Amino acid sequence: MPLMDEQIQQQVRDLLKALKSPVTLKLFTQDFECGYCRETRQIAEEVAELSDLVTLEVHDFVTDKALAEQMSVDKIPAIVVLGEDGKDYGIRFFGIPSGYEFTSLLEAILLVGTGEYELLDSTRAFLETLQTPLHLQVFVTPTCPYCPRAVMLAHQLAYASDKVTADMVEVTEFPHLGQKYSVYGVPRTVINEHTYIEGAVPEQMLLEKLKAAVR
């Protein structure tokens, strides 16, 4: 049974008409002992069916271990969003992109497939001079209406700079990470392990935290 009804399918189909270049979704999954792997695969399959420019590649987390390590995939389910010719922008989804986070997945596909994004001039200037790698983990839940804004901003940063990688992490599927990073509310963005920011904050506020993380 499809997860999307006909009305939502048409909305997604219309949205994906904006794509200008191919997008590949690399899904890492396995058959056993993986909560939401099956549902995540179904979401990815249904989205890929709605545009000729979206391709889904499914990889087993165990048998394709080398590829998973190469792509910095250390937990599943995971979706890596790649651009034309397999270009990796550092955009990741760990956990099921359902509920409000379905929007984040669609926005990531559009970002990679159109190259269109909006960042402040101050943010762009910071990214152009960035020497230190930045890893952003945005902890979310599917029922959080504010989380997609934080995820999309992080993904735009990753798209704009080879020095930035950005993960959506669905915290209820990875409670050990929630405990490790003291995630008591969402969204919570962790930058390079030790710098944190709460909420779907304005871009300028996040920029100040990014600067603090690389000092």
N, C-alpha and C. Protein backbone atom coordinates (compact mmCIF):
# COMPACT_ATOMS: atom_id res chain seq x y z
N MET A 1 0.84 -1.20 0.00
CA MET A 1 0.00 0.00 0.00
C MET A 1 0.88 1.25 0.00
N PRO A 2 0.64 2.17 -0.93
CA PRO A 2 1.47 3.38 -1.01
C PRO A 2 1.36 4.23 0.26
N LEU A 3 2.48 4.86 0.63
CA LEU A 3 2.47 5.76 1.77
C LEU A 3 1.87 7.11 1.38
N MET A 4 2.01 7.49 0.11
CA MET A 4 1.45 8.74 -0.38
C MET A 4 0.16 8.48 -1.15
N ASP A 5 -0.89 9.24 -0.83
CA ASP A 5 -2.11 9.11 -1.62
C ASP A 5 -1.93 9.86 -2.95
N GLU A 6 -2.93 9.76 -3.80
CA GLU A 6 -2.80 10.32 -5.15
C GLU A 6 -2.59 11.83 -5.13
N GLN A 7 -3.23 12.50 -4.19
CA GLN A 7 -3.09 13.96 -4.11
C GLN A 7 -1.66 14.36 -3.75
N ILE A 8 -1.08 13.68 -2.76
CA ILE A 8 0.29 13.99 -2.36
C ILE A 8 1.26 13.61 -3.46
N GLN A 9 1.02 12.48 -4.12
CA GLN A 9 1.87 12.08 -5.24
C GLN A 9 1.91 13.17 -6.31
N GLN A 10 0.75 13.73 -6.62
CA GLN A 10 0.70 14.77 -7.65
C GLN A 10 1.42 16.03 -7.18
N GLN A 11 1.29 16.36 -5.91
CA GLN A 11 1.99 17.54 -5.37
C GLN A 11 3.50 17.36 -5.46
N VAL A 12 3.96 16.16 -5.11
CA VAL A 12 5.40 15.89 -5.17
C VAL A 12 5.87 15.88 -6.63
N ARG A 13 5.08 15.27 -7.49
CA ARG A 13 5.42 15.23 -8.92
C ARG A 13 5.56 16.66 -9.48
N ASP A 14 4.63 17.52 -9.12
CA ASP A 14 4.69 18.91 -9.58
C ASP A 14 5.91 19.62 -9.02
N LEU A 15 6.22 19.35 -7.76
CA LEU A 15 7.37 19.98 -7.11
C LEU A 15 8.67 19.58 -7.80
N LEU A 16 8.78 18.30 -8.14
CA LEU A 16 10.01 17.79 -8.73
C LEU A 16 10.19 18.19 -10.19
N LYS A 17 9.19 18.80 -10.78
CA LYS A 17 9.33 19.30 -12.15
C LYS A 17 10.37 20.41 -12.23
N ALA A 18 10.69 21.01 -11.08
CA ALA A 18 11.68 22.08 -11.04
C ALA A 18 13.11 21.58 -11.20
N LEU A 19 13.32 20.28 -11.08
CA LEU A 19 14.67 19.72 -11.17
C LEU A 19 15.29 20.00 -12.53
N LYS A 20 16.57 20.37 -12.49
CA LYS A 20 17.30 20.68 -13.72
C LYS A 20 18.37 19.65 -14.03
N SER A 21 18.78 18.88 -13.03
CA SER A 21 19.83 17.88 -13.23
C SER A 21 19.52 16.65 -12.39
N PRO A 22 20.13 15.51 -12.71
CA PRO A 22 19.83 14.26 -12.01
C PRO A 22 20.22 14.28 -10.54
N VAL A 23 19.43 13.59 -9.76
CA VAL A 23 19.69 13.40 -8.33
C VAL A 23 19.63 11.91 -8.03
N THR A 24 20.61 11.42 -7.28
CA THR A 24 20.63 10.02 -6.88
C THR A 24 20.48 9.91 -5.38
N LEU A 25 19.56 9.08 -4.96
CA LEU A 25 19.39 8.77 -3.54
C LEU A 25 20.05 7.43 -3.28
N LYS A 26 21.11 7.44 -2.48
CA LYS A 26 21.75 6.19 -2.08
C LYS A 26 21.21 5.80 -0.72
N LEU A 27 20.45 4.72 -0.70
CA LEU A 27 19.85 4.24 0.54
C LEU A 27 20.66 3.09 1.10
N PHE A 28 21.06 3.22 2.35
CA PHE A 28 21.75 2.14 3.05
C PHE A 28 20.77 1.53 4.04
N THR A 29 20.63 0.21 3.96
CA THR A 29 19.60 -0.47 4.73
C THR A 29 20.03 -1.91 4.99
N GLN A 30 19.21 -2.65 5.70
CA GLN A 30 19.39 -4.09 5.82
C GLN A 30 18.05 -4.69 6.21
N ASP A 31 17.94 -5.99 6.05
CA ASP A 31 16.65 -6.66 6.22
C ASP A 31 16.29 -6.91 7.67
N PHE A 32 17.29 -7.06 8.54
CA PHE A 32 17.00 -7.46 9.90
C PHE A 32 17.49 -6.44 10.92
N GLU A 33 16.81 -6.36 12.03
CA GLU A 33 17.22 -5.54 13.17
C GLU A 33 17.46 -4.08 12.79
N CYS A 34 16.58 -3.55 12.00
CA CYS A 34 16.69 -2.14 11.62
C CYS A 34 15.30 -1.53 11.64
N GLY A 35 15.03 -0.75 12.67
CA GLY A 35 13.75 -0.08 12.76
C GLY A 35 13.60 0.94 11.64
N TYR A 36 12.48 0.89 10.97
CA TYR A 36 12.11 1.86 9.92
C TYR A 36 12.91 1.74 8.64
N CYS A 37 13.74 0.72 8.48
CA CYS A 37 14.46 0.54 7.21
C CYS A 37 13.48 0.30 6.06
N ARG A 38 12.50 -0.57 6.31
CA ARG A 38 11.54 -0.89 5.26
C ARG A 38 10.73 0.33 4.86
N GLU A 39 10.27 1.10 5.86
CA GLU A 39 9.47 2.28 5.58
C GLU A 39 10.29 3.36 4.88
N THR A 40 11.55 3.50 5.28
CA THR A 40 12.42 4.49 4.64
C THR A 40 12.65 4.13 3.18
N ARG A 41 12.83 2.84 2.92
CA ARG A 41 13.01 2.41 1.53
C ARG A 41 11.75 2.70 0.71
N GLN A 42 10.58 2.46 1.31
CA GLN A 42 9.35 2.71 0.57
C GLN A 42 9.18 4.19 0.25
N ILE A 43 9.53 5.06 1.20
CA ILE A 43 9.46 6.50 0.93
C ILE A 43 10.37 6.86 -0.24
N ALA A 44 11.60 6.37 -0.20
CA ALA A 44 12.57 6.69 -1.25
C ALA A 44 12.10 6.14 -2.60
N GLU A 45 11.55 4.94 -2.61
CA GLU A 45 11.06 4.34 -3.86
C GLU A 45 9.91 5.15 -4.45
N GLU A 46 8.99 5.57 -3.58
CA GLU A 46 7.83 6.30 -4.08
C GLU A 46 8.23 7.67 -4.62
N VAL A 47 9.19 8.32 -3.97
CA VAL A 47 9.66 9.62 -4.46
C VAL A 47 10.36 9.46 -5.81
N ALA A 48 11.23 8.45 -5.91
CA ALA A 48 11.99 8.24 -7.14
C ALA A 48 11.07 7.93 -8.32
N GLU A 49 9.94 7.31 -8.05
CA GLU A 49 9.00 6.97 -9.11
C GLU A 49 8.30 8.21 -9.69
N LEU A 50 8.39 9.33 -8.99
CA LEU A 50 7.63 10.51 -9.40
C LEU A 50 8.43 11.48 -10.26
N SER A 51 9.69 11.16 -10.53
CA SER A 51 10.50 12.01 -11.41
C SER A 51 11.54 11.18 -12.15
N ASP A 52 11.67 11.43 -13.43
CA ASP A 52 12.68 10.73 -14.23
C ASP A 52 14.09 11.16 -13.85
N LEU A 53 14.22 12.28 -13.13
CA LEU A 53 15.54 12.78 -12.76
C LEU A 53 15.98 12.29 -11.37
N VAL A 54 15.14 11.54 -10.71
CA VAL A 54 15.51 11.01 -9.39
C VAL A 54 15.69 9.50 -9.49
N THR A 55 16.88 9.03 -9.09
CA THR A 55 17.21 7.61 -9.13
C THR A 55 17.50 7.12 -7.73
N LEU A 56 17.01 5.93 -7.42
CA LEU A 56 17.27 5.31 -6.12
C LEU A 56 18.24 4.15 -6.29
N GLU A 57 19.29 4.14 -5.48
CA GLU A 57 20.21 3.02 -5.41
C GLU A 57 20.17 2.46 -3.99
N VAL A 58 19.93 1.17 -3.86
CA VAL A 58 19.81 0.54 -2.55
C VAL A 58 21.05 -0.28 -2.26
N HIS A 59 21.63 -0.07 -1.09
CA HIS A 59 22.84 -0.77 -0.68
C HIS A 59 22.64 -1.43 0.68
N ASP A 60 23.14 -2.64 0.80
CA ASP A 60 23.08 -3.34 2.07
C ASP A 60 24.20 -2.84 2.98
N PHE A 61 23.85 -2.45 4.17
CA PHE A 61 24.79 -1.82 5.09
C PHE A 61 25.93 -2.76 5.47
N VAL A 62 25.67 -4.07 5.43
CA VAL A 62 26.68 -5.06 5.82
C VAL A 62 27.53 -5.47 4.62
N THR A 63 26.89 -5.91 3.55
CA THR A 63 27.66 -6.40 2.40
C THR A 63 28.35 -5.27 1.64
N ASP A 64 27.79 -4.05 1.73
CA ASP A 64 28.41 -2.89 1.10
C ASP A 64 29.10 -2.02 2.15
N LYS A 65 29.73 -2.66 3.10
CA LYS A 65 30.36 -1.96 4.22
C LYS A 65 31.41 -0.95 3.75
N ALA A 66 32.22 -1.33 2.77
CA ALA A 66 33.27 -0.44 2.29
C ALA A 66 32.69 0.85 1.72
N LEU A 67 31.60 0.73 0.96
CA LEU A 67 30.95 1.91 0.39
C LEU A 67 30.35 2.77 1.49
N ALA A 68 29.74 2.11 2.47
CA ALA A 68 29.16 2.85 3.59
C ALA A 68 30.23 3.65 4.32
N GLU A 69 31.36 3.03 4.56
CA GLU A 69 32.46 3.73 5.25
C GLU A 69 32.98 4.88 4.39
N GLN A 70 33.08 4.65 3.09
CA GLN A 70 33.56 5.69 2.17
C GLN A 70 32.64 6.90 2.21
N MET A 71 31.34 6.65 2.40
CA MET A 71 30.36 7.73 2.39
C MET A 71 30.01 8.21 3.79
N SER A 72 30.79 7.78 4.78
CA SER A 72 30.59 8.19 6.18
C SER A 72 29.20 7.83 6.69
N VAL A 73 28.72 6.67 6.28
CA VAL A 73 27.44 6.16 6.77
C VAL A 73 27.72 5.13 7.86
N ASP A 74 27.42 5.49 9.10
CA ASP A 74 27.74 4.62 10.23
C ASP A 74 26.50 4.10 10.96
N LYS A 75 25.31 4.39 10.43
CA LYS A 75 24.07 3.93 11.04
C LYS A 75 22.97 3.92 9.97
N ILE A 76 21.95 3.15 10.21
CA ILE A 76 20.87 3.00 9.22
C ILE A 76 19.51 3.06 9.90
N PRO A 77 18.46 3.39 9.10
CA PRO A 77 18.49 3.67 7.66
C PRO A 77 19.19 5.00 7.38
N ALA A 78 19.81 5.08 6.22
CA ALA A 78 20.52 6.30 5.82
C ALA A 78 20.27 6.59 4.35
N ILE A 79 20.10 7.86 4.04
CA ILE A 79 19.97 8.30 2.65
C ILE A 79 21.03 9.36 2.39
N VAL A 80 21.82 9.14 1.35
CA VAL A 80 22.80 10.11 0.89
C VAL A 80 22.27 10.72 -0.40
N VAL A 81 22.22 12.04 -0.47
CA VAL A 81 21.67 12.73 -1.64
C VAL A 81 22.83 13.20 -2.51
N LEU A 82 22.95 12.61 -3.70
CA LEU A 82 24.05 12.91 -4.61
C LEU A 82 23.56 13.68 -5.82
N GLY A 83 24.42 14.51 -6.37
CA GLY A 83 24.08 15.29 -7.55
C GLY A 83 24.53 14.62 -8.82
N GLU A 84 24.58 15.39 -9.88
CA GLU A 84 24.96 14.88 -11.20
C GLU A 84 26.36 14.30 -11.16
N ASP A 85 26.54 13.18 -11.85
CA ASP A 85 27.82 12.46 -11.89
C ASP A 85 28.25 11.99 -10.50
N GLY A 86 27.28 11.80 -9.61
CA GLY A 86 27.57 11.26 -8.29
C GLY A 86 28.24 12.22 -7.35
N LYS A 87 28.14 13.52 -7.60
CA LYS A 87 28.78 14.50 -6.72
C LYS A 87 28.14 14.45 -5.34
N ASP A 88 29.01 14.34 -4.34
CA ASP A 88 28.57 14.24 -2.95
C ASP A 88 28.72 15.60 -2.29
N TYR A 89 27.60 16.17 -1.88
CA TYR A 89 27.61 17.48 -1.23
C TYR A 89 27.64 17.38 0.30
N GLY A 90 27.70 16.16 0.81
CA GLY A 90 27.72 16.00 2.27
C GLY A 90 26.35 16.09 2.91
N ILE A 91 25.31 15.78 2.15
CA ILE A 91 23.93 15.86 2.65
C ILE A 91 23.46 14.45 3.01
N ARG A 92 23.08 14.28 4.27
CA ARG A 92 22.72 12.96 4.78
C ARG A 92 21.41 13.00 5.56
N PHE A 93 20.69 11.88 5.51
CA PHE A 93 19.52 11.64 6.36
C PHE A 93 19.76 10.33 7.11
N PHE A 94 19.75 10.38 8.41
CA PHE A 94 19.86 9.18 9.23
C PHE A 94 18.55 9.00 9.99
N GLY A 95 17.85 7.91 9.68
CA GLY A 95 16.51 7.72 10.23
C GLY A 95 15.47 8.04 9.17
N ILE A 96 14.25 7.71 9.46
CA ILE A 96 13.18 7.85 8.48
C ILE A 96 12.82 9.32 8.26
N PRO A 97 12.81 9.79 7.01
CA PRO A 97 12.39 11.17 6.73
C PRO A 97 10.87 11.24 6.56
N SER A 98 10.16 11.04 7.65
CA SER A 98 8.70 11.02 7.59
C SER A 98 8.15 12.22 8.35
N GLY A 99 6.83 12.34 8.35
CA GLY A 99 6.22 13.48 9.02
C GLY A 99 6.72 14.78 8.42
N TYR A 100 7.08 15.72 9.28
CA TYR A 100 7.58 17.01 8.79
C TYR A 100 8.91 16.85 8.04
N GLU A 101 9.66 15.80 8.34
CA GLU A 101 10.97 15.63 7.70
C GLU A 101 10.87 15.14 6.26
N PHE A 102 9.68 14.74 5.84
CA PHE A 102 9.50 14.42 4.42
C PHE A 102 9.76 15.68 3.58
N THR A 103 9.35 16.83 4.13
CA THR A 103 9.63 18.11 3.46
C THR A 103 11.13 18.32 3.31
N SER A 104 11.89 17.98 4.35
CA SER A 104 13.35 18.15 4.30
C SER A 104 13.97 17.31 3.19
N LEU A 105 13.46 16.09 3.01
CA LEU A 105 13.98 15.23 1.95
C LEU A 105 13.70 15.83 0.58
N LEU A 106 12.47 16.29 0.38
CA LEU A 106 12.14 16.91 -0.91
C LEU A 106 12.97 18.16 -1.16
N GLU A 107 13.16 18.96 -0.12
CA GLU A 107 13.96 20.18 -0.26
C GLU A 107 15.41 19.86 -0.59
N ALA A 108 15.94 18.78 -0.01
CA ALA A 108 17.33 18.38 -0.30
C ALA A 108 17.45 17.94 -1.76
N ILE A 109 16.46 17.22 -2.25
CA ILE A 109 16.47 16.79 -3.65
C ILE A 109 16.42 18.01 -4.58
N LEU A 110 15.56 18.97 -4.24
CA LEU A 110 15.47 20.18 -5.05
C LEU A 110 16.76 21.00 -4.99
N LEU A 111 17.35 21.07 -3.81
CA LEU A 111 18.61 21.81 -3.65
C LEU A 111 19.69 21.26 -4.56
N VAL A 112 19.86 19.93 -4.52
CA VAL A 112 20.91 19.29 -5.31
C VAL A 112 20.56 19.29 -6.80
N GLY A 113 19.28 19.18 -7.11
CA GLY A 113 18.86 19.08 -8.50
C GLY A 113 18.62 20.39 -9.21
N THR A 114 18.65 21.52 -8.45
CA THR A 114 18.48 22.83 -9.07
C THR A 114 19.68 23.74 -8.81
N GLY A 115 20.39 23.49 -7.72
CA GLY A 115 21.51 24.36 -7.36
C GLY A 115 21.07 25.69 -6.80
N GLU A 116 19.79 25.82 -6.49
CA GLU A 116 19.26 27.08 -6.01
C GLU A 116 19.15 27.09 -4.49
N TYR A 117 19.74 28.10 -3.86
CA TYR A 117 19.64 28.23 -2.41
C TYR A 117 19.88 29.68 -2.02
N GLU A 118 19.48 30.03 -0.83
CA GLU A 118 19.64 31.40 -0.36
C GLU A 118 20.41 31.39 0.96
N LEU A 119 21.55 32.04 0.96
CA LEU A 119 22.33 32.24 2.17
C LEU A 119 22.74 33.70 2.24
N LEU A 120 22.91 34.19 3.44
CA LEU A 120 23.34 35.57 3.63
C LEU A 120 24.73 35.78 3.04
N ASP A 121 25.01 37.00 2.63
CA ASP A 121 26.33 37.32 2.11
C ASP A 121 27.41 37.05 3.16
N SER A 122 27.09 37.31 4.41
CA SER A 122 28.05 37.06 5.49
C SER A 122 28.34 35.58 5.65
N THR A 123 27.32 34.76 5.45
CA THR A 123 27.50 33.30 5.52
C THR A 123 28.36 32.82 4.35
N ARG A 124 28.06 33.31 3.16
CA ARG A 124 28.84 32.92 1.98
C ARG A 124 30.30 33.31 2.13
N ALA A 125 30.53 34.50 2.68
CA ALA A 125 31.90 34.97 2.88
C ALA A 125 32.64 34.07 3.87
N PHE A 126 31.95 33.68 4.93
CA PHE A 126 32.54 32.78 5.92
C PHE A 126 32.89 31.43 5.28
N LEU A 127 32.00 30.89 4.49
CA LEU A 127 32.23 29.59 3.87
C LEU A 127 33.38 29.64 2.87
N GLU A 128 33.53 30.75 2.19
CA GLU A 128 34.60 30.88 1.20
C GLU A 128 35.98 30.86 1.84
N THR A 129 36.09 31.30 3.07
CA THR A 129 37.39 31.34 3.76
C THR A 129 37.57 30.20 4.74
N LEU A 130 36.59 29.30 4.80
CA LEU A 130 36.61 28.22 5.79
C LEU A 130 37.73 27.23 5.49
N GLN A 131 38.55 26.97 6.47
CA GLN A 131 39.65 26.01 6.34
C GLN A 131 39.40 24.74 7.15
N THR A 132 38.65 24.86 8.22
CA THR A 132 38.40 23.74 9.12
C THR A 132 37.10 23.03 8.73
N PRO A 133 37.10 21.71 8.60
CA PRO A 133 35.87 20.99 8.30
C PRO A 133 34.82 21.19 9.39
N LEU A 134 33.57 21.30 8.98
CA LEU A 134 32.46 21.43 9.92
C LEU A 134 31.47 20.29 9.68
N HIS A 135 31.11 19.61 10.75
CA HIS A 135 30.12 18.53 10.67
C HIS A 135 28.93 18.93 11.52
N LEU A 136 27.79 19.10 10.86
CA LEU A 136 26.56 19.48 11.55
C LEU A 136 25.64 18.28 11.66
N GLN A 137 25.19 17.99 12.87
CA GLN A 137 24.18 16.97 13.10
C GLN A 137 22.94 17.66 13.65
N VAL A 138 21.86 17.62 12.87
CA VAL A 138 20.62 18.26 13.30
C VAL A 138 19.67 17.17 13.81
N PHE A 139 19.45 17.15 15.11
CA PHE A 139 18.60 16.14 15.72
C PHE A 139 17.15 16.59 15.63
N VAL A 140 16.30 15.66 15.17
CA VAL A 140 14.90 15.99 14.89
C VAL A 140 14.00 14.84 15.33
N THR A 141 12.70 15.10 15.28
CA THR A 141 11.67 14.06 15.34
C THR A 141 10.68 14.34 14.22
N PRO A 142 9.97 13.32 13.73
CA PRO A 142 9.03 13.54 12.63
C PRO A 142 7.87 14.46 12.99
N THR A 143 7.59 14.65 14.29
CA THR A 143 6.45 15.46 14.70
C THR A 143 6.82 16.90 15.02
N CYS A 144 8.06 17.29 14.76
CA CYS A 144 8.55 18.63 15.08
C CYS A 144 8.37 19.56 13.88
N PRO A 145 7.46 20.55 13.98
CA PRO A 145 7.22 21.42 12.83
C PRO A 145 8.34 22.42 12.56
N TYR A 146 9.21 22.64 13.54
CA TYR A 146 10.29 23.61 13.38
C TYR A 146 11.58 22.98 12.86
N CYS A 147 11.66 21.67 12.93
CA CYS A 147 12.90 20.97 12.59
C CYS A 147 13.31 21.10 11.12
N PRO A 148 12.38 21.01 10.16
CA PRO A 148 12.81 21.10 8.77
C PRO A 148 13.59 22.37 8.45
N ARG A 149 13.24 23.48 9.08
CA ARG A 149 13.96 24.72 8.81
C ARG A 149 15.43 24.61 9.20
N ALA A 150 15.68 23.96 10.35
CA ALA A 150 17.06 23.78 10.79
C ALA A 150 17.80 22.80 9.88
N VAL A 151 17.12 21.75 9.46
CA VAL A 151 17.74 20.76 8.58
C VAL A 151 18.07 21.38 7.23
N MET A 152 17.13 22.12 6.67
CA MET A 152 17.34 22.70 5.35
C MET A 152 18.48 23.72 5.35
N LEU A 153 18.58 24.50 6.42
CA LEU A 153 19.68 25.46 6.51
C LEU A 153 21.01 24.74 6.57
N ALA A 154 21.08 23.68 7.36
CA ALA A 154 22.32 22.90 7.47
C ALA A 154 22.69 22.29 6.11
N HIS A 155 21.70 21.78 5.40
CA HIS A 155 21.96 21.18 4.09
C HIS A 155 22.40 22.22 3.07
N GLN A 156 21.87 23.43 3.16
CA GLN A 156 22.32 24.50 2.27
C GLN A 156 23.79 24.83 2.52
N LEU A 157 24.19 24.84 3.78
CA LEU A 157 25.58 25.09 4.11
C LEU A 157 26.48 24.01 3.51
N ALA A 158 26.03 22.76 3.61
CA ALA A 158 26.81 21.65 3.06
C ALA A 158 26.90 21.75 1.54
N TYR A 159 25.79 22.14 0.92
CA TYR A 159 25.80 22.27 -0.53
C TYR A 159 26.76 23.37 -0.97
N ALA A 160 26.83 24.44 -0.18
CA ALA A 160 27.60 25.61 -0.56
C ALA A 160 29.10 25.46 -0.30
N SER A 161 29.49 24.50 0.53
CA SER A 161 30.91 24.37 0.88
C SER A 161 31.33 22.91 1.00
N ASP A 162 32.45 22.59 0.36
CA ASP A 162 33.00 21.24 0.47
C ASP A 162 33.53 20.96 1.87
N LYS A 163 33.67 21.99 2.68
CA LYS A 163 34.18 21.81 4.04
C LYS A 163 33.08 21.44 5.04
N VAL A 164 31.82 21.49 4.59
CA VAL A 164 30.69 21.26 5.49
C VAL A 164 29.95 19.99 5.12
N THR A 165 29.65 19.17 6.12
CA THR A 165 28.73 18.05 5.95
C THR A 165 27.58 18.24 6.93
N ALA A 166 26.39 17.81 6.54
CA ALA A 166 25.21 18.05 7.37
C ALA A 166 24.30 16.84 7.38
N ASP A 167 23.99 16.38 8.58
CA ASP A 167 23.15 15.21 8.77
C ASP A 167 21.84 15.57 9.45
N MET A 168 20.73 15.07 8.94
CA MET A 168 19.52 14.98 9.72
C MET A 168 19.60 13.69 10.51
N VAL A 169 19.36 13.75 11.81
CA VAL A 169 19.38 12.55 12.65
C VAL A 169 18.06 12.46 13.40
N GLU A 170 17.28 11.42 13.10
CA GLU A 170 15.99 11.23 13.78
C GLU A 170 16.28 10.59 15.15
N VAL A 171 16.17 11.40 16.19
CA VAL A 171 16.75 11.05 17.49
C VAL A 171 16.08 9.85 18.16
N THR A 172 14.79 9.61 17.91
CA THR A 172 14.15 8.48 18.58
C THR A 172 14.66 7.14 18.06
N GLU A 173 15.25 7.14 16.86
CA GLU A 173 15.81 5.91 16.32
C GLU A 173 17.24 5.67 16.80
N PHE A 174 17.87 6.72 17.29
CA PHE A 174 19.26 6.60 17.76
C PHE A 174 19.36 7.22 19.16
N PRO A 175 18.69 6.60 20.14
CA PRO A 175 18.64 7.19 21.49
C PRO A 175 20.01 7.33 22.13
N HIS A 176 20.96 6.47 21.75
CA HIS A 176 22.31 6.59 22.33
C HIS A 176 22.96 7.91 21.92
N LEU A 177 22.63 8.39 20.70
CA LEU A 177 23.17 9.67 20.27
C LEU A 177 22.45 10.82 20.98
N GLY A 178 21.16 10.63 21.20
CA GLY A 178 20.43 11.64 21.95
C GLY A 178 21.00 11.81 23.34
N GLN A 179 21.38 10.69 23.94
CA GLN A 179 21.98 10.75 25.28
C GLN A 179 23.38 11.36 25.22
N LYS A 180 24.15 10.94 24.22
CA LYS A 180 25.52 11.43 24.09
C LYS A 180 25.57 12.94 23.93
N TYR A 181 24.63 13.48 23.13
CA TYR A 181 24.66 14.91 22.83
C TYR A 181 23.63 15.71 23.63
N SER A 182 23.08 15.08 24.67
CA SER A 182 22.13 15.77 25.57
C SER A 182 20.97 16.40 24.80
N VAL A 183 20.34 15.60 23.94
CA VAL A 183 19.22 16.10 23.15
C VAL A 183 17.94 15.93 23.96
N TYR A 184 17.48 17.01 24.57
CA TYR A 184 16.27 16.98 25.38
C TYR A 184 15.12 17.71 24.68
N GLY A 185 15.43 18.38 23.58
CA GLY A 185 14.43 19.05 22.77
C GLY A 185 14.96 19.15 21.35
N VAL A 186 14.06 19.29 20.40
CA VAL A 186 14.46 19.38 18.99
C VAL A 186 13.84 20.60 18.35
N PRO A 187 14.50 21.12 17.31
CA PRO A 187 15.80 20.68 16.77
C PRO A 187 16.96 21.10 17.66
N ARG A 188 17.97 20.27 17.68
CA ARG A 188 19.23 20.59 18.36
C ARG A 188 20.35 20.29 17.37
N THR A 189 21.15 21.29 17.07
CA THR A 189 22.23 21.14 16.10
C THR A 189 23.55 21.04 16.83
N VAL A 190 24.28 19.98 16.54
CA VAL A 190 25.60 19.75 17.13
C VAL A 190 26.63 20.02 16.04
N ILE A 191 27.59 20.89 16.35
CA ILE A 191 28.61 21.28 15.39
C ILE A 191 29.96 20.78 15.88
N ASN A 192 30.58 19.90 15.08
CA ASN A 192 31.90 19.35 15.44
C ASN A 192 31.96 18.83 16.87
N GLU A 193 30.91 18.13 17.27
CA GLU A 193 30.87 17.39 18.54
C GLU A 193 30.66 18.25 19.78
N HIS A 194 31.22 19.45 19.82
CA HIS A 194 31.27 20.16 21.09
C HIS A 194 30.55 21.50 21.11
N THR A 195 30.04 21.96 19.99
CA THR A 195 29.31 23.22 19.95
C THR A 195 27.85 22.91 19.64
N TYR A 196 26.95 23.55 20.37
CA TYR A 196 25.52 23.23 20.24
C TYR A 196 24.70 24.49 20.03
N ILE A 197 23.56 24.29 19.42
CA ILE A 197 22.59 25.39 19.34
C ILE A 197 21.19 24.78 19.32
N GLU A 198 20.29 25.38 20.06
CA GLU A 198 18.93 24.87 20.20
C GLU A 198 17.97 25.62 19.30
N GLY A 199 17.02 24.90 18.74
CA GLY A 199 15.94 25.53 18.00
C GLY A 199 16.26 25.80 16.54
N ALA A 200 15.21 26.21 15.81
CA ALA A 200 15.37 26.59 14.41
C ALA A 200 15.75 28.06 14.40
N VAL A 201 17.02 28.32 14.66
CA VAL A 201 17.49 29.70 14.89
C VAL A 201 17.69 30.44 13.57
N PRO A 202 17.70 31.78 13.61
CA PRO A 202 18.02 32.56 12.41
C PRO A 202 19.42 32.23 11.90
N GLU A 203 19.61 32.39 10.61
CA GLU A 203 20.89 32.05 9.98
C GLU A 203 22.07 32.77 10.63
N GLN A 204 21.91 34.05 10.95
CA GLN A 204 23.00 34.81 11.53
C GLN A 204 23.43 34.23 12.88
N MET A 205 22.46 33.74 13.64
CA MET A 205 22.78 33.14 14.94
C MET A 205 23.55 31.84 14.76
N LEU A 206 23.14 31.04 13.78
CA LEU A 206 23.88 29.81 13.50
C LEU A 206 25.29 30.13 13.01
N LEU A 207 25.42 31.16 12.21
CA LEU A 207 26.73 31.56 11.70
C LEU A 207 27.69 31.88 12.84
N GLU A 208 27.21 32.54 13.87
CA GLU A 208 28.06 32.86 15.01
C GLU A 208 28.53 31.60 15.71
N LYS A 209 27.65 30.59 15.78
CA LYS A 209 28.03 29.31 16.38
C LYS A 209 29.05 28.58 15.52
N LEU A 210 28.90 28.68 14.20
CA LEU A 210 29.87 28.06 13.29
C LEU A 210 31.25 28.70 13.48
N LYS A 211 31.27 30.00 13.61
CA LYS A 211 32.52 30.71 13.82
C LYS A 211 33.16 30.27 15.14
N ALA A 212 32.33 30.12 16.16
CA ALA A 212 32.85 29.70 17.46
C ALA A 212 33.43 28.28 17.39
N ALA A 213 32.82 27.43 16.58
CA ALA A 213 33.25 26.04 16.49
C ALA A 213 34.63 25.90 15.84
N VAL A 214 35.01 26.86 15.00
CA VAL A 214 36.29 26.75 14.30
C VAL A 214 37.38 27.62 14.92
N ARG A 215 37.04 28.35 15.97
CA ARG A 215 38.07 29.16 16.63
C ARG A 215 39.06 28.27 17.36
